[in-house]
C-alpha atoms as a PDB file:
ATOM      1  CA  MET A   1      16.782 -13.816  -4.589  1.00  0.00           C
ATOM      2  CA  LEU A   2      15.618 -11.312  -7.171  1.00  0.00           C
ATOM      3  CA  ALA A   3      16.600  -8.448  -4.866  1.00  0.00           C
ATOM      4  CA  ALA A   4      20.217  -9.660  -4.873  1.00  0.00           C
ATOM      5  CA  HIS A   5      20.504  -8.610  -8.513  1.00  0.00           C
ATOM      6  CA  ARG A   6      19.286  -5.064  -7.884  1.00  0.00           C
ATOM      7  CA  SER A   7      21.386  -2.103  -6.906  1.00  0.00           C
ATOM      8  CA  PRO A   8      21.047  -0.850  -3.301  1.00  0.00           C
ATOM      9  CA  SER A   9      19.250   2.303  -4.460  1.00  0.00           C
ATOM     10  CA  THR A  10      16.670   0.222  -6.324  1.00  0.00           C
ATOM     11  CA  ILE A  11      16.074  -1.947  -3.277  1.00  0.00           C
ATOM     12  CA  VAL A  12      15.574   1.133  -1.097  1.00  0.00           C
ATOM     13  CA  ALA A  13      13.192   2.666  -3.643  1.00  0.00           C
ATOM     14  CA  VAL A  14      11.160  -0.532  -3.885  1.00  0.00           C
ATOM     15  CA  SER A  15      11.045  -0.842  -0.089  1.00  0.00           C
ATOM     16  CA  TYR A  16      10.043   2.808   0.339  1.00  0.00           C
ATOM     17  CA  THR A  17       7.291   2.482  -2.259  1.00  0.00           C
ATOM     18  CA  GLY A  18       5.980  -0.559  -0.423  1.00  0.00           C
ATOM     19  CA  LEU A  19       5.996   1.320   2.867  1.00  0.00           C
ATOM     20  CA  ARG A  20       4.079   4.227   1.354  1.00  0.00           C
ATOM     21  CA  ALA A  21       1.508   1.845  -0.099  1.00  0.00           C
ATOM     22  CA  ASN A  22       1.122   0.149   3.288  1.00  0.00           C
ATOM     23  CA  ASP A  23       0.795   3.532   5.008  1.00  0.00           C
ATOM     24  CA  THR A  24      -1.889   4.618   2.534  1.00  0.00           C
ATOM     25  CA  SER A  25      -3.743   1.334   2.955  1.00  0.00           C
ATOM     26  CA  ARG A  26      -3.585   1.683   6.744  1.00  0.00           C
ATOM     27  CA  LYS A  27      -5.031   5.200   6.527  1.00  0.00           C
ATOM     28  CA  VAL A  28      -7.904   3.939   4.379  1.00  0.00           C
ATOM     29  CA  ILE A  29      -8.534   1.072   6.794  1.00  0.00           C
ATOM     30  CA  ASP A  30      -8.516   3.498   9.730  1.00  0.00           C
ATOM     31  CA  THR A  31     -10.966   5.750   7.872  1.00  0.00           C
ATOM     32  CA  ALA A  32     -13.244   2.793   7.137  1.00  0.00           C
ATOM     33  CA  ILE A  33     -13.119   1.820  10.805  1.00  0.00           C
ATOM     34  CA  GLY A  34     -14.177   5.373  11.659  1.00  0.00           C
ATOM     35  CA  VAL A  35     -17.059   5.163   9.190  1.00  0.00           C
ATOM     36  CA  LEU A  36     -18.315   1.970  10.815  1.00  0.00           C
ATOM     37  CA  VAL A  37     -17.895   3.402  14.319  1.00  0.00           C
ATOM     38  CA  GLY A  38     -20.022   6.368  13.255  1.00  0.00           C
ATOM     39  CA  LEU A  39     -22.656   4.289  11.496  1.00  0.00           C
ATOM     40  CA  ARG A  40     -22.977   1.472  13.982  1.00  0.00           C
ATOM     41  CA  GLY A  41     -21.968   3.188  17.214  1.00  0.00           C
ATOM     42  CA  CYS A  42     -19.545   0.346  17.839  1.00  0.00           C
ATOM     43  CA  SER A  43     -15.974   0.308  19.105  1.00  0.00           C
ATOM     44  CA  PRO A  44     -13.016   0.534  16.706  1.00  0.00           C
ATOM     45  CA  ALA A  45     -12.187  -3.092  17.549  1.00  0.00           C
ATOM     46  CA  GLU A  46     -15.707  -4.190  16.586  1.00  0.00           C
ATOM     47  CA  ALA A  47     -15.505  -2.181  13.364  1.00  0.00           C
ATOM     48  CA  PHE A  48     -12.173  -3.791  12.473  1.00  0.00           C
ATOM     49  CA  THR A  49     -13.656  -7.219  13.204  1.00  0.00           C
ATOM     50  CA  GLU A  50     -16.499  -6.425  10.806  1.00  0.00           C
ATOM     51  CA  LEU A  51     -14.023  -5.461   8.080  1.00  0.00           C
ATOM     52  CA  VAL A  52     -12.114  -8.710   8.629  1.00  0.00           C
ATOM     53  CA  GLN A  53     -15.344 -10.740   8.506  1.00  0.00           C
ATOM     54  CA  VAL A  54     -16.344  -9.087   5.228  1.00  0.00           C
ATOM     55  CA  THR A  55     -12.879  -9.775   3.846  1.00  0.00           C
ATOM     56  CA  ARG A  56     -13.230 -13.449   4.724  1.00  0.00           C
ATOM     57  CA  GLN A  57     -16.756 -13.666   3.302  1.00  0.00           C
ATOM     58  CA  THR A  58     -15.952 -11.941   0.026  1.00  0.00           C
ATOM     59  CA  GLY A  59     -12.313 -12.879  -0.531  1.00  0.00           C
ATOM     60  CA  ILE A  60     -11.588  -9.208  -1.205  1.00  0.00           C
ATOM     61  CA  GLY A  61      -8.509  -7.714   0.451  1.00  0.00           C
ATOM     62  CA  ILE A  62      -9.081  -5.555   3.490  1.00  0.00           C
ATOM     63  CA  GLY A  63      -7.543  -2.477   1.845  1.00  0.00           C
ATOM     64  CA  THR A  64      -9.824  -2.846  -1.160  1.00  0.00           C
ATOM     65  CA  ILE A  65     -12.995  -3.406   0.848  1.00  0.00           C
ATOM     66  CA  ALA A  66     -12.082  -0.542   3.201  1.00  0.00           C
ATOM     67  CA  SER A  67     -11.507   1.743   0.226  1.00  0.00           C
ATOM     68  CA  GLY A  68     -14.882   0.724  -1.166  1.00  0.00           C
ATOM     69  CA  LEU A  69     -16.619   1.486   2.122  1.00  0.00           C
ATOM     70  CA  VAL A  70     -14.988   4.914   2.299  1.00  0.00           C
ATOM     71  CA  ALA A  71     -16.007   5.620  -1.306  1.00  0.00           C
ATOM     72  CA  VAL A  72     -19.610   4.568  -0.688  1.00  0.00           C
ATOM     73  CA  ALA A  73     -19.795   6.595   2.532  1.00  0.00           C
ATOM     74  CA  SER A  74     -18.359   9.687   0.859  1.00  0.00           C
ATOM     75  CA  GLY A  75     -20.638   9.414  -2.159  1.00  0.00           C
ATOM     76  CA  THR A  76     -17.767   8.859  -4.592  1.00  0.00           C
ATOM     77  CA  SER A  77     -18.312   5.175  -5.267  1.00  0.00           C
ATOM     78  CA  SER A  78     -18.141   3.587  -8.688  1.00  0.00           C
ATOM     79  CA  ALA A  79     -18.866   0.168 -10.137  1.00  0.00           C
ATOM     80  CA  ASP A  80     -15.563  -0.956  -8.589  1.00  0.00           C
ATOM     81  CA  ASN A  81     -17.145  -0.534  -5.154  1.00  0.00           C
ATOM     82  CA  ILE A  82     -20.203  -2.733  -5.768  1.00  0.00           C
ATOM     83  CA  ASP A  83     -19.321  -5.198  -3.004  1.00  0.00           C
ATOM     84  CA  ALA A  84     -19.005  -2.450  -0.401  1.00  0.00           C
ATOM     85  CA  PHE A  85     -22.219  -0.877  -1.680  1.00  0.00           C
ATOM     86  CA  ASN A  86     -24.067  -4.192  -1.407  1.00  0.00           C
ATOM     87  CA  ILE A  87     -22.811  -4.701   2.144  1.00  0.00           C
ATOM     88  CA  TRP A  88     -23.099  -1.184   3.606  1.00  0.00           C
ATOM     89  CA  GLY A  89     -25.096   0.873   1.098  1.00  0.00           C
ATOM     90  CA  GLU A  90     -28.440   0.505   2.856  1.00  0.00           C
ATOM     91  CA  LEU A  91     -26.914   1.349   6.241  1.00  0.00           C
ATOM     92  CA  ILE A  92     -25.319   4.477   4.780  1.00  0.00           C
ATOM     93  CA  ARG A  93     -28.532   5.462   2.989  1.00  0.00           C
ATOM     94  CA  ALA A  94     -30.536   5.060   6.196  1.00  0.00           C
ATOM     95  CA  GLU A  95     -28.040   7.245   8.070  1.00  0.00           C
ATOM     96  CA  ARG A  96     -28.289   9.961   5.406  1.00  0.00           C
ATOM     97  CA  VAL A  97     -32.080   9.927   5.579  1.00  0.00           C
ATOM     98  CA  ALA A  98     -32.022  10.057   9.391  1.00  0.00           C
ATOM     99  CA  SER A  99     -29.613  12.997   9.538  1.00  0.00           C
ATOM    100  CA  PRO A 100     -29.924  15.205   6.432  1.00  0.00           C
ATOM    101  CA  ALA A 101     -27.059  17.570   5.642  1.00  0.00           C
END
């Protein structure tokens, strides 16, 4: 009912912002799936299943955990990405050692 009190332009702006956020989150999730496919040699469906399982185990949203995985894989992680680091850090480290740049 809150939206009924907003002007049409505000509703459109709020909706558009939400769509952009969803699009960005989807891109991050797709990137994380690609990271797992590369690391594990699994299918995209298996990688997505792994992300969902981690989300259920940790209670962290899929966009957040995917973003953390991408940050850890790209070497730009911070303390905010500790859960992703704990889950995938060793796998990523082993891959870097096996195939140096």
